[in-house]
C-alpha atoms as a PDB file:
ATOM      1  CA  MET A   1      63.025 127.994  95.343  1.00  0.00           C
ATOM      2  CA  MET A   2      63.940 124.835  93.659  1.00  0.00           C
ATOM      3  CA  GLU A   3      65.952 121.745  93.884  1.00  0.00           C
ATOM      4  CA  ASN A   4      69.176 121.512  92.775  1.00  0.00           C
ATOM      5  CA  ARG A   5      70.040 117.696  92.076  1.00  0.00           C
ATOM      6  CA  GLU A   6      73.434 118.196  91.430  1.00  0.00           C
ATOM      7  CA  ILE A   7      75.072 119.883  94.317  1.00  0.00           C
ATOM      8  CA  LYS A   8      74.623 118.143  97.752  1.00  0.00           C
ATOM      9  CA  SER A   9      74.926 119.628 101.500  1.00  0.00           C
ATOM     10  CA  PRO A  10      77.618 119.551 102.712  1.00  0.00           C
ATOM     11  CA  PHE A  11      76.341 118.983 106.364  1.00  0.00           C
ATOM     12  CA  THR A  12      74.397 116.068 105.415  1.00  0.00           C
ATOM     13  CA  GLY A  13      75.342 114.822 101.415  1.00  0.00           C
ATOM     14  CA  GLY A  14      71.434 115.556 100.929  1.00  0.00           C
ATOM     15  CA  PRO A  15      69.425 117.005  98.527  1.00  0.00           C
ATOM     16  CA  VAL A  16      69.654 121.448  98.494  1.00  0.00           C
ATOM     17  CA  LYS A  17      67.191 124.228  97.318  1.00  0.00           C
ATOM     18  CA  GLU A  18      68.885 126.893  95.312  1.00  0.00           C
ATOM     19  CA  MET A  19      67.807 130.018  96.876  1.00  0.00           C
ATOM     20  CA  PHE A  20      67.176 133.826  95.213  1.00  0.00           C
ATOM     21  CA  GLN A  21      68.237 136.882  97.072  1.00  0.00           C
ATOM     22  CA  VAL A  22      68.412 140.994  96.891  1.00  0.00           C
ATOM     23  CA  GLU A  23      71.262 142.358  99.195  1.00  0.00           C
ATOM     24  CA  THR A  24      73.266 145.545 100.122  1.00  0.00           C
ATOM     25  CA  MET A  25      76.470 145.127  99.719  1.00  0.00           C
ATOM     26  CA  SER A  26      79.389 148.205 100.389  1.00  0.00           C
ATOM     27  CA  PHE A  27      82.062 148.943  98.587  1.00  0.00           C
ATOM     28  CA  ARG A  28      84.824 151.953  98.620  1.00  0.00           C
ATOM     29  CA  GLY A  29      82.467 153.519 101.201  1.00  0.00           C
ATOM     30  CA  GLU A  30      79.013 153.499  98.893  1.00  0.00           C
ATOM     31  CA  GLU A  31      76.072 150.862  99.223  1.00  0.00           C
ATOM     32  CA  TYR A  32      74.640 148.939  96.089  1.00  0.00           C
ATOM     33  CA  LEU A  33      71.778 146.491  95.456  1.00  0.00           C
ATOM     34  CA  VAL A  34      73.312 143.220  94.291  1.00  0.00           C
ATOM     35  CA  HIS A  35      71.844 139.755  93.103  1.00  0.00           C
ATOM     36  CA  GLY A  36      73.133 136.910  93.888  1.00  0.00           C
ATOM     37  CA  TRP A  37      72.115 133.197  94.943  1.00  0.00           C
ATOM     38  CA  TYR A  38      73.301 130.342  97.365  1.00  0.00           C
ATOM     39  CA  PHE A  39      71.803 126.775  98.446  1.00  0.00           C
ATOM     40  CA  ILE A  40      69.869 125.843 101.345  1.00  0.00           C
ATOM     41  CA  CYS A  41      70.558 122.115 103.117  1.00  0.00           C
ATOM     42  CA  GLU A  42      67.037 120.115 103.147  1.00  0.00           C
ATOM     43  CA  ASP A  43      67.621 118.574 105.926  1.00  0.00           C
ATOM     44  CA  THR A  44      69.459 121.367 108.715  1.00  0.00           C
ATOM     45  CA  GLY A  45      67.859 124.114 106.962  1.00  0.00           C
ATOM     46  CA  ARG A  46      71.671 126.293 106.955  1.00  0.00           C
ATOM     47  CA  LYS A  47      72.598 128.225 103.883  1.00  0.00           C
ATOM     48  CA  PHE A  48      75.857 127.999 102.520  1.00  0.00           C
ATOM     49  CA  SER A  49      77.370 129.198  98.781  1.00  0.00           C
ATOM     50  CA  THR A  50      80.076 128.387  96.541  1.00  0.00           C
ATOM     51  CA  GLY A  51      83.381 129.651  95.972  1.00  0.00           C
ATOM     52  CA  GLU A  52      81.826 130.562  92.361  1.00  0.00           C
ATOM     53  CA  GLN A  53      78.120 131.923  93.752  1.00  0.00           C
ATOM     54  CA  ASP A  54      80.654 134.739  95.864  1.00  0.00           C
ATOM     55  CA  ASN A  55      82.458 135.204  92.682  1.00  0.00           C
ATOM     56  CA  ALA A  56      79.833 136.078  90.741  1.00  0.00           C
ATOM     57  CA  THR A  57      78.136 138.209  93.429  1.00  0.00           C
ATOM     58  CA  LEU A  58      81.406 140.253  93.884  1.00  0.00           C
ATOM     59  CA  ASN A  59      81.388 140.574  90.250  1.00  0.00           C
ATOM     60  CA  ASP A  60      78.087 142.326  90.194  1.00  0.00           C
ATOM     61  CA  LEU A  61      79.541 145.061  92.736  1.00  0.00           C
ATOM     62  CA  TYR A  62      81.967 145.831  91.096  1.00  0.00           C
ATOM     63  CA  ALA A  63      80.680 146.076  87.318  1.00  0.00           C
ATOM     64  CA  GLN A  64      77.934 148.497  88.803  1.00  0.00           C
ATOM     65  CA  TYR A  65      80.407 150.347  90.352  1.00  0.00           C
ATOM     66  CA  ARG A  66      82.550 150.311  87.156  1.00  0.00           C
ATOM     67  CA  VAL A  67      79.396 151.931  85.293  1.00  0.00           C
ATOM     68  CA  LYS A  68      78.588 154.096  88.409  1.00  0.00           C
ATOM     69  CA  HIS A  69      82.025 156.179  88.214  1.00  0.00           C
ATOM     70  CA  ASN A  70      82.915 155.350  84.396  1.00  0.00           C
ATOM     71  CA  ILE A  71      85.400 153.219  85.078  1.00  0.00           C
ATOM     72  CA  PRO A  72      86.409 150.881  81.981  1.00  0.00           C
ATOM     73  CA  PHE A  73      86.470 146.884  82.037  1.00  0.00           C
ATOM     74  CA  PRO A  74      89.086 144.185  82.122  1.00  0.00           C
ATOM     75  CA  ASP A  75      88.584 144.124  78.758  1.00  0.00           C
ATOM     76  CA  GLU A  76      88.541 147.862  78.229  1.00  0.00           C
ATOM     77  CA  ILE A  77      91.949 148.487  80.234  1.00  0.00           C
ATOM     78  CA  ALA A  78      93.464 145.928  77.613  1.00  0.00           C
ATOM     79  CA  SER A  79      92.221 147.278  74.809  1.00  0.00           C
ATOM     80  CA  ILE A  80      93.512 150.706  75.366  1.00  0.00           C
ATOM     81  CA  ARG A  81      96.787 148.915  75.661  1.00  0.00           C
ATOM     82  CA  LYS A  82      96.848 147.709  73.049  1.00  0.00           C
ATOM     83  CA  ARG A  83      95.584 150.164  70.940  1.00  0.00           C
ATOM     84  CA  TYR A  84      98.810 152.089  71.111  1.00  0.00           C
ATOM     85  CA  GLY A  85     101.590 148.746  70.444  1.00  0.00           C
ATOM     86  CA  LEU A  86     102.606 149.709  74.495  1.00  0.00           C
ATOM     87  CA  ASN A  87     103.698 147.076  77.037  1.00  0.00           C
ATOM     88  CA  GLN A  88     102.107 146.765  80.422  1.00  0.00           C
ATOM     89  CA  SER A  89     105.224 148.077  81.652  1.00  0.00           C
ATOM     90  CA  GLN A  90     105.657 150.518  79.378  1.00  0.00           C
ATOM     91  CA  ILE A  91     101.535 151.942  79.813  1.00  0.00           C
ATOM     92  CA  GLY A  92     102.119 151.422  83.879  1.00  0.00           C
ATOM     93  CA  LYS A  93     105.193 153.810  83.562  1.00  0.00           C
ATOM     94  CA  LEU A  94     103.229 156.199  81.691  1.00  0.00           C
ATOM     95  CA  LEU A  95      99.885 156.459  83.964  1.00  0.00           C
ATOM     96  CA  GLY A  96     102.593 156.519  86.980  1.00  0.00           C
ATOM     97  CA  PHE A  97     101.211 153.637  88.576  1.00  0.00           C
ATOM     98  CA  GLY A  98     103.542 150.703  90.290  1.00  0.00           C
ATOM     99  CA  VAL A  99     105.529 148.232  88.127  1.00  0.00           C
ATOM    100  CA  ASN A 100     102.388 145.463  87.896  1.00  0.00           C
ATOM    101  CA  GLN A 101      99.590 147.530  88.821  1.00  0.00           C
ATOM    102  CA  TRP A 102      98.263 147.459  85.007  1.00  0.00           C
ATOM    103  CA  ALA A 103      98.809 143.765  85.173  1.00  0.00           C
ATOM    104  CA  LYS A 104      96.261 143.893  87.983  1.00  0.00           C
ATOM    105  CA  TYR A 105      93.893 146.119  86.444  1.00  0.00           C
ATOM    106  CA  GLU A 106      93.854 143.807  83.427  1.00  0.00           C
ATOM    107  CA  ASN A 107      93.010 140.891  85.358  1.00  0.00           C
ATOM    108  CA  GLY A 108      89.669 142.514  87.256  1.00  0.00           C
ATOM    109  CA  GLN A 109      91.596 144.320  90.005  1.00  0.00           C
ATOM    110  CA  VAL A 110      88.766 147.458  90.628  1.00  0.00           C
ATOM    111  CA  PRO A 111      90.706 150.701  89.714  1.00  0.00           C
ATOM    112  CA  SER A 112      90.539 153.621  92.409  1.00  0.00           C
ATOM    113  CA  GLU A 113      88.049 155.984  91.026  1.00  0.00           C
ATOM    114  CA  SER A 114      90.982 158.609  89.800  1.00  0.00           C
ATOM    115  CA  ASN A 115      92.808 156.065  88.743  1.00  0.00           C
ATOM    116  CA  GLY A 116      89.814 154.902  86.832  1.00  0.00           C
ATOM    117  CA  ARG A 117      89.428 158.324  85.345  1.00  0.00           C
ATOM    118  CA  LEU A 118      93.232 158.760  84.330  1.00  0.00           C
ATOM    119  CA  ILE A 119      92.788 155.215  82.382  1.00  0.00           C
ATOM    120  CA  GLY A 120      89.482 156.156  81.008  1.00  0.00           C
ATOM    121  CA  ALA A 121      90.895 159.445  79.926  1.00  0.00           C
ATOM    122  CA  LEU A 122      94.059 157.946  78.276  1.00  0.00           C
ATOM    123  CA  ARG A 123      91.193 156.713  75.288  1.00  0.00           C
ATOM    124  CA  ARG A 124      91.804 159.729  73.587  1.00  0.00           C
ATOM    125  CA  LYS A 125      94.929 159.663  71.763  1.00  0.00           C
ATOM    126  CA  SER A 126      95.625 163.702  72.055  1.00  0.00           C
ATOM    127  CA  VAL A 127      95.704 162.940  75.931  1.00  0.00           C
ATOM    128  CA  ALA A 128      98.054 160.047  75.751  1.00  0.00           C
ATOM    129  CA  LEU A 129     100.457 162.044  73.502  1.00  0.00           C
ATOM    130  CA  SER A 130     100.439 164.676  75.847  1.00  0.00           C
ATOM    131  CA  LEU A 131     101.227 162.434  78.668  1.00  0.00           C
ATOM    132  CA  VAL A 132     104.274 160.908  77.182  1.00  0.00           C
ATOM    133  CA  GLN A 133     105.565 164.399  75.749  1.00  0.00           C
ATOM    134  CA  ASP A 134     105.388 166.019  79.531  1.00  0.00           C
ATOM    135  CA  LEU A 135     107.039 162.991  80.847  1.00  0.00           C
ATOM    136  CA  ARG A 136     109.856 162.546  78.466  1.00  0.00           C
ATOM    137  CA  SER A 137     112.639 162.783  81.482  1.00  0.00           C
ATOM    138  CA  ILE A 138     111.814 160.106  82.887  1.00  0.00           C
ATOM    139  CA  TYR A 139     112.365 158.376  80.078  1.00  0.00           C
ATOM    140  CA  GLU A 140     116.234 156.948  77.810  1.00  0.00           C
ATOM    141  CA  GLU A 141     115.994 158.444  74.570  1.00  0.00           C
ATOM    142  CA  ASP A 142     115.113 155.467  72.814  1.00  0.00           C
ATOM    143  CA  GLU A 143     112.481 154.478  74.973  1.00  0.00           C
ATOM    144  CA  TYR A 144     111.209 157.648  74.787  1.00  0.00           C
ATOM    145  CA  MET A 145     110.921 157.426  71.061  1.00  0.00           C
ATOM    146  CA  LYS A 146     109.713 153.983  70.994  1.00  0.00           C
ATOM    147  CA  ILE A 147     106.690 154.791  72.683  1.00  0.00           C
ATOM    148  CA  LEU A 148     105.871 157.902  71.035  1.00  0.00           C
ATOM    149  CA  ASN A 149     105.793 156.787  67.464  1.00  0.00           C
ATOM    150  CA  ALA A 150     103.741 153.871  68.667  1.00  0.00           C
ATOM    151  CA  ILE A 151     100.913 155.927  69.953  1.00  0.00           C
ATOM    152  CA  GLN A 152     101.521 158.410  66.871  1.00  0.00           C
ATOM    153  CA  ALA A 153     100.864 155.914  64.829  1.00  0.00           C
ATOM    154  CA  SER A 154      97.685 153.831  66.433  1.00  0.00           C
ATOM    155  CA  PRO A 155      93.777 155.181  65.254  1.00  0.00           C
ATOM    156  CA  ASP A 156      93.389 158.494  65.836  1.00  0.00           C
ATOM    157  CA  GLN A 157      90.254 157.703  67.791  1.00  0.00           C
ATOM    158  CA  ASP A 158      89.070 154.501  69.996  1.00  0.00           C
ATOM    159  CA  ILE A 159      86.322 153.639  67.161  1.00  0.00           C
ATOM    160  CA  MET A 160      83.973 150.656  68.253  1.00  0.00           C
ATOM    161  CA  PRO A 161      84.584 148.570  64.653  1.00  0.00           C
ATOM    162  CA  ASP A 162      81.769 148.395  62.075  1.00  0.00           C
ATOM    163  CA  GLN A 163      80.711 145.072  63.072  1.00  0.00           C
ATOM    164  CA  ASP A 164      80.369 145.943  66.695  1.00  0.00           C
ATOM    165  CA  SER A 165      78.663 148.911  65.401  1.00  0.00           C
ATOM    166  CA  ILE A 166      75.822 146.711  63.755  1.00  0.00           C
ATOM    167  CA  LEU A 167      75.848 143.636  66.187  1.00  0.00           C
ATOM    168  CA  TYR A 168      75.145 146.588  69.736  1.00  0.00           C
ATOM    169  CA  ARG A 169      73.388 149.478  68.111  1.00  0.00           C
ATOM    170  CA  GLY A 170      72.539 151.166  71.206  1.00  0.00           C
ATOM    171  CA  THR A 171      73.658 149.459  73.721  1.00  0.00           C
ATOM    172  CA  SER A 172      75.780 150.195  76.600  1.00  0.00           C
ATOM    173  CA  ARG A 173      77.540 148.057  79.418  1.00  0.00           C
ATOM    174  CA  SER A 174      74.768 147.507  82.191  1.00  0.00           C
ATOM    175  CA  ILE A 175      72.979 144.822  83.536  1.00  0.00           C
ATOM    176  CA  GLU A 176      70.856 145.718  80.248  1.00  0.00           C
ATOM    177  CA  ASN A 177      73.326 143.908  78.898  1.00  0.00           C
ATOM    178  CA  GLY A 178      75.011 141.510  81.433  1.00  0.00           C
ATOM    179  CA  PHE A 179      78.193 144.092  81.073  1.00  0.00           C
ATOM    180  CA  GLY A 180      79.015 141.784  78.538  1.00  0.00           C
ATOM    181  CA  GLU A 181      82.580 142.978  76.810  1.00  0.00           C
ATOM    182  CA  PHE A 182      81.422 144.569  72.486  1.00  0.00           C
ATOM    183  CA  HIS A 183      82.832 141.684  71.039  1.00  0.00           C
ATOM    184  CA  HIS A 184      81.094 140.385  68.145  1.00  0.00           C
ATOM    185  CA  GLN A 185      83.441 137.616  67.455  1.00  0.00           C
ATOM    186  CA  LYS A 186      81.799 135.822  70.354  1.00  0.00           C
ATOM    187  CA  VAL A 187      78.569 136.906  69.265  1.00  0.00           C
ATOM    188  CA  GLU A 188      79.132 135.138  65.785  1.00  0.00           C
ATOM    189  CA  GLU A 189      80.892 132.706  67.262  1.00  0.00           C
ATOM    190  CA  MET A 190      78.213 132.027  69.789  1.00  0.00           C
ATOM    191  CA  VAL A 191      75.290 131.953  67.173  1.00  0.00           C
ATOM    192  CA  LYS A 192      77.560 129.799  64.990  1.00  0.00           C
ATOM    193  CA  PHE A 193      77.636 126.507  67.707  1.00  0.00           C
ATOM    194  CA  PHE A 194      74.084 126.462  67.669  1.00  0.00           C
ATOM    195  CA  ALA A 195      73.590 126.772  64.209  1.00  0.00           C
ATOM    196  CA  THR A 196      75.757 123.690  63.184  1.00  0.00           C
ATOM    197  CA  LYS A 197      73.519 121.730  62.342  1.00  0.00           C
ATOM    198  CA  GLY A 198      70.931 124.002  60.912  1.00  0.00           C
ATOM    199  CA  ILE A 199      68.523 125.961  63.549  1.00  0.00           C
ATOM    200  CA  GLY A 200      64.878 127.441  62.931  1.00  0.00           C
ATOM    201  CA  VAL A 201      65.180 131.294  64.179  1.00  0.00           C
ATOM    202  CA  THR A 202      63.148 131.028  67.241  1.00  0.00           C
ATOM    203  CA  LYS A 203      64.880 128.056  68.688  1.00  0.00           C
ATOM    204  CA  LEU A 204      68.335 129.990  68.428  1.00  0.00           C
ATOM    205  CA  ASN A 205      66.835 133.097  70.153  1.00  0.00           C
ATOM    206  CA  LYS A 206      65.682 131.175  73.306  1.00  0.00           C
ATOM    207  CA  LYS A 207      69.424 129.387  73.164  1.00  0.00           C
ATOM    208  CA  MET A 208      70.838 132.254  73.191  1.00  0.00           C
ATOM    209  CA  PHE A 209      69.139 133.843  75.394  1.00  0.00           C
ATOM    210  CA  TYR A 210      69.599 130.602  78.249  1.00  0.00           C
ATOM    211  CA  ALA A 211      73.305 130.225  77.235  1.00  0.00           C
ATOM    212  CA  ASP A 212      73.844 134.311  78.223  1.00  0.00           C
ATOM    213  CA  PHE A 213      71.933 133.971  81.341  1.00  0.00           C
ATOM    214  CA  LEU A 214      72.935 130.993  82.314  1.00  0.00           C
ATOM    215  CA  HIS A 215      76.585 132.656  82.042  1.00  0.00           C
ATOM    216  CA  PHE A 216      75.585 135.468  83.794  1.00  0.00           C
ATOM    217  CA  LYS A 217      74.075 133.669  86.724  1.00  0.00           C
ATOM    218  CA  HIS A 218      77.274 131.108  87.338  1.00  0.00           C
ATOM    219  CA  TYR A 219      79.763 134.459  86.520  1.00  0.00           C
ATOM    220  CA  GLY A 220      78.574 137.377  86.600  1.00  0.00           C
ATOM    221  CA  ILE A 221      78.676 138.842  83.142  1.00  0.00           C
ATOM    222  CA  SER A 222      77.374 137.480  80.040  1.00  0.00           C
ATOM    223  CA  ILE A 223      78.645 136.037  76.647  1.00  0.00           C
ATOM    224  CA  SER A 224      77.888 137.536  73.945  1.00  0.00           C
ATOM    225  CA  GLY A 225      76.558 141.196  75.766  1.00  0.00           C
ATOM    226  CA  LEU A 226      73.757 141.540  73.983  1.00  0.00           C
ATOM    227  CA  ARG A 227      70.460 143.068  75.209  1.00  0.00           C
ATOM    228  CA  TYR A 228      67.137 140.733  75.082  1.00  0.00           C
ATOM    229  CA  GLN A 229      63.349 141.675  74.447  1.00  0.00           C
ATOM    230  CA  ALA A 230      60.523 139.458  76.058  1.00  0.00           C
ATOM    231  CA  ILE A 231      57.980 139.259  72.733  1.00  0.00           C
ATOM    232  CA  HIS A 232      54.951 137.658  72.312  1.00  0.00           C
ATOM    233  CA  TYR A 233      57.364 133.803  71.166  1.00  0.00           C
ATOM    234  CA  GLY A 234      59.628 134.234  74.882  1.00  0.00           C
ATOM    235  CA  PRO A 235      63.540 136.094  75.142  1.00  0.00           C
ATOM    236  CA  VAL A 236      64.594 137.254  71.823  1.00  0.00           C
ATOM    237  CA  PRO A 237      68.024 138.964  71.391  1.00  0.00           C
ATOM    238  CA  VAL A 238      67.287 143.005  70.539  1.00  0.00           C
ATOM    239  CA  HIS A 239      66.917 142.999  67.024  1.00  0.00           C
ATOM    240  CA  TYR A 240      68.053 139.515  66.273  1.00  0.00           C
ATOM    241  CA  ALA A 241      67.156 139.770  62.697  1.00  0.00           C
ATOM    242  CA  THR A 242      69.983 142.121  62.027  1.00  0.00           C
ATOM    243  CA  VAL A 243      72.293 140.327  64.308  1.00  0.00           C
ATOM    244  CA  TYR A 244      72.208 137.023  62.588  1.00  0.00           C
ATOM    245  CA  ASP A 245      72.108 138.270  58.778  1.00  0.00           C
ATOM    246  CA  ASN A 246      75.403 140.114  59.431  1.00  0.00           C
ATOM    247  CA  ILE A 247      77.088 136.931  60.517  1.00  0.00           C
ATOM    248  CA  PRO A 248      79.690 135.940  58.023  1.00  0.00           C
ATOM    249  CA  GLY A 249      79.285 132.130  57.060  1.00  0.00           C
ATOM    250  CA  LEU A 250      75.515 131.945  58.524  1.00  0.00           C
ATOM    251  CA  GLU A 251      72.721 131.314  55.452  1.00  0.00           C
ATOM    252  CA  ARG A 252      69.590 132.292  56.403  1.00  0.00           C
ATOM    253  CA  HIS A 253      66.731 129.764  54.502  1.00  0.00           C
ATOM    254  CA  VAL A 254      62.867 130.680  54.712  1.00  0.00           C
ATOM    255  CA  GLN A 255      60.978 128.015  54.177  1.00  0.00           C
ATOM    256  CA  VAL A 256      56.498 129.159  52.905  1.00  0.00           C
ATOM    257  CA  GLU A 257      54.097 126.601  54.709  1.00  0.00           C
ATOM    258  CA  GLY A 258      50.639 128.194  53.380  1.00  0.00           C
ATOM    259  CA  GLU A 259      50.762 132.020  54.847  1.00  0.00           C
ATOM    260  CA  ASN A 260      53.589 131.144  57.266  1.00  0.00           C
ATOM    261  CA  GLU A 261      57.324 131.811  57.206  1.00  0.00           C
ATOM    262  CA  ARG A 262      59.434 129.390  58.718  1.00  0.00           C
ATOM    263  CA  ILE A 263      63.210 130.734  59.000  1.00  0.00           C
ATOM    264  CA  THR A 264      65.974 128.561  59.799  1.00  0.00           C
ATOM    265  CA  TYR A 265      69.762 129.634  60.256  1.00  0.00           C
ATOM    266  CA  GLU A 266      72.770 127.100  58.903  1.00  0.00           C
ATOM    267  CA  SER A 267      76.384 128.100  59.604  1.00  0.00           C
ATOM    268  CA  THR A 268      78.518 126.771  56.485  1.00  0.00           C
ATOM    269  CA  THR A 269      81.640 126.511  59.067  1.00  0.00           C
ATOM    270  CA  GLU A 270      82.555 124.748  62.605  1.00  0.00           C
ATOM    271  CA  PRO A 271      82.711 127.621  65.090  1.00  0.00           C
ATOM    272  CA  ASN A 272      85.992 129.243  66.788  1.00  0.00           C
ATOM    273  CA  LEU A 273      85.586 127.905  70.375  1.00  0.00           C
ATOM    274  CA  SER A 274      89.020 129.622  70.977  1.00  0.00           C
ATOM    275  CA  VAL A 275      87.393 133.200  71.382  1.00  0.00           C
ATOM    276  CA  PHE A 276      85.909 131.550  74.645  1.00  0.00           C
ATOM    277  CA  SER A 277      86.899 131.220  77.805  1.00  0.00           C
ATOM    278  CA  PRO A 278      86.545 127.197  79.258  1.00  0.00           C
ATOM    279  CA  HIS A 279      83.936 128.764  81.697  1.00  0.00           C
ATOM    280  CA  GLU A 280      82.127 130.243  78.604  1.00  0.00           C
ATOM    281  CA  ILE A 281      82.247 127.191  76.508  1.00  0.00           C
ATOM    282  CA  ALA A 282      80.818 124.957  79.437  1.00  0.00           C
ATOM    283  CA  SER A 283      77.960 127.342  79.236  1.00  0.00           C
ATOM    284  CA  LEU A 284      77.440 126.723  75.422  1.00  0.00           C
ATOM    285  CA  GLU A 285      77.631 123.120  76.101  1.00  0.00           C
ATOM    286  CA  THR A 286      75.408 123.124  78.732  1.00  0.00           C
ATOM    287  CA  VAL A 287      72.417 124.564  77.657  1.00  0.00           C
ATOM    288  CA  GLU A 288      72.874 122.626  74.246  1.00  0.00           C
ATOM    289  CA  LYS A 289      72.334 119.261  76.776  1.00  0.00           C
ATOM    290  CA  LEU A 290      69.533 120.726  78.205  1.00  0.00           C
ATOM    291  CA  LEU A 291      68.012 122.230  74.887  1.00  0.00           C
ATOM    292  CA  GLY A 292      68.883 120.279  72.564  1.00  0.00           C
ATOM    293  CA  ASN A 293      66.798 117.627  72.118  1.00  0.00           C
ATOM    294  CA  LEU A 294      63.468 120.181  72.651  1.00  0.00           C
ATOM    295  CA  SER A 295      60.884 120.941  69.819  1.00  0.00           C
ATOM    296  CA  THR A 296      60.265 124.483  68.450  1.00  0.00           C
ATOM    297  CA  ARG A 297      57.025 124.638  71.084  1.00  0.00           C
ATOM    298  CA  GLU A 298      58.803 122.603  73.932  1.00  0.00           C
ATOM    299  CA  ILE A 299      61.443 125.552  74.281  1.00  0.00           C
ATOM    300  CA  VAL A 300      59.445 127.935  74.059  1.00  0.00           C
ATOM    301  CA  GLU A 301      56.804 127.142  76.587  1.00  0.00           C
ATOM    302  CA  LEU A 302      59.967 126.681  78.235  1.00  0.00           C
ATOM    303  CA  SER A 303      61.157 130.327  78.156  1.00  0.00           C
ATOM    304  CA  HIS A 304      57.189 130.892  78.970  1.00  0.00           C
ATOM    305  CA  LYS A 305      57.727 129.856  82.542  1.00  0.00           C
ATOM    306  CA  GLU A 306      60.389 131.949  83.528  1.00  0.00           C
ATOM    307  CA  THR A 307      60.115 135.211  85.477  1.00  0.00           C
ATOM    308  CA  ALA A 308      62.312 137.101  82.885  1.00  0.00           C
ATOM    309  CA  TRP A 309      59.255 136.699  80.556  1.00  0.00           C
ATOM    310  CA  GLN A 310      56.849 137.115  82.589  1.00  0.00           C
ATOM    311  CA  GLU A 311      57.663 140.234  83.335  1.00  0.00           C
ATOM    312  CA  HIS A 312      58.126 141.625  81.335  1.00  0.00           C
ATOM    313  CA  TYR A 313      56.551 140.281  77.922  1.00  0.00           C
ATOM    314  CA  GLU A 314      53.715 142.189  77.877  1.00  0.00           C
ATOM    315  CA  GLN A 315      55.113 145.939  77.216  1.00  0.00           C
ATOM    316  CA  MET A 316      57.756 144.283  75.450  1.00  0.00           C
ATOM    317  CA  ASP A 317      60.612 145.576  77.881  1.00  0.00           C
ATOM    318  CA  ILE A 318      64.375 144.583  77.745  1.00  0.00           C
ATOM    319  CA  ILE A 319      64.903 141.859  80.136  1.00  0.00           C
ATOM    320  CA  PRO A 320      67.538 142.764  83.170  1.00  0.00           C
ATOM    321  CA  TYR A 321      70.265 140.530  83.594  1.00  0.00           C
ATOM    322  CA  SER A 322      69.055 139.801  87.016  1.00  0.00           C
ATOM    323  CA  GLU A 323      66.102 137.779  86.378  1.00  0.00           C
ATOM    324  CA  ALA A 324      68.971 135.264  85.546  1.00  0.00           C
ATOM    325  CA  TYR A 325      69.120 134.785  89.015  1.00  0.00           C
ATOM    326  CA  GLN A 326      65.294 132.463  89.072  1.00  0.00           C
ATOM    327  CA  LEU A 327      66.225 130.574  85.524  1.00  0.00           C
ATOM    328  CA  ASN A 328      64.351 127.278  85.273  1.00  0.00           C
ATOM    329  CA  ILE A 329      67.419 125.194  83.712  1.00  0.00           C
END
């Protein structure tokens, strides 16, 4: 439990404490262990939560349901449609959804298990072609040919781009990657955000960790979709050297100091913040504000106080994002 100086009690206007909890929640007849956090008014002992906290809890619940039933996430649903060059109305009609149903799924509504499987099957180009050919009678000829040609012109497979394969090798969407999207541009610009003026690799690792985990705490999803591992010097992105060395416009400098090497990275271009949502930008800026002036030793010491590191470093485990709810910043 830790004091939060920014939030004030709605009951007394006084100080509050942040509390972490794991609770059982039901969704569509199934029970899930959901991680969440709330506040306690120090003066009255009464509990309360913000809309942000409630949304993060629901995002955790829905993400677990999607993973269990192999239902695509909103960004994946949008990607399927864009791959075939169709608009929301066209693809919704193809699957027999209501006029606005596909748009709702892209905006976060969780499909039913049957609709989710249907959308997932559409990843295969052969399924999309068979479906539109079987349903030819529901279209005017011009519309039918337009949709058929668009699907035929699409890539044969929904293949992860090479850069994504390098950055996310062996990763699946789960609590281990904060249910995050595989989006190499976000990783690249996130690193550049912290490396604009040059930064040592140890500090960069910690800022990446805190930005992703802080964002997960508030919104139930990571920014980068990267996994993090607990090592001696604190939390680091899995295969972090490979991640950083494959980012265009990021220079790696090595300085030999006795028997040790000091590795720093510096971005040759300004970060393109347009790839981030306003909430993601706010999380990045918060971490830079809180940690920007800390020395390497101080930021390592801070990371060693985290339960996320203490519970996992002895076995060098992957750190589940559920540890985000107990962050010390």
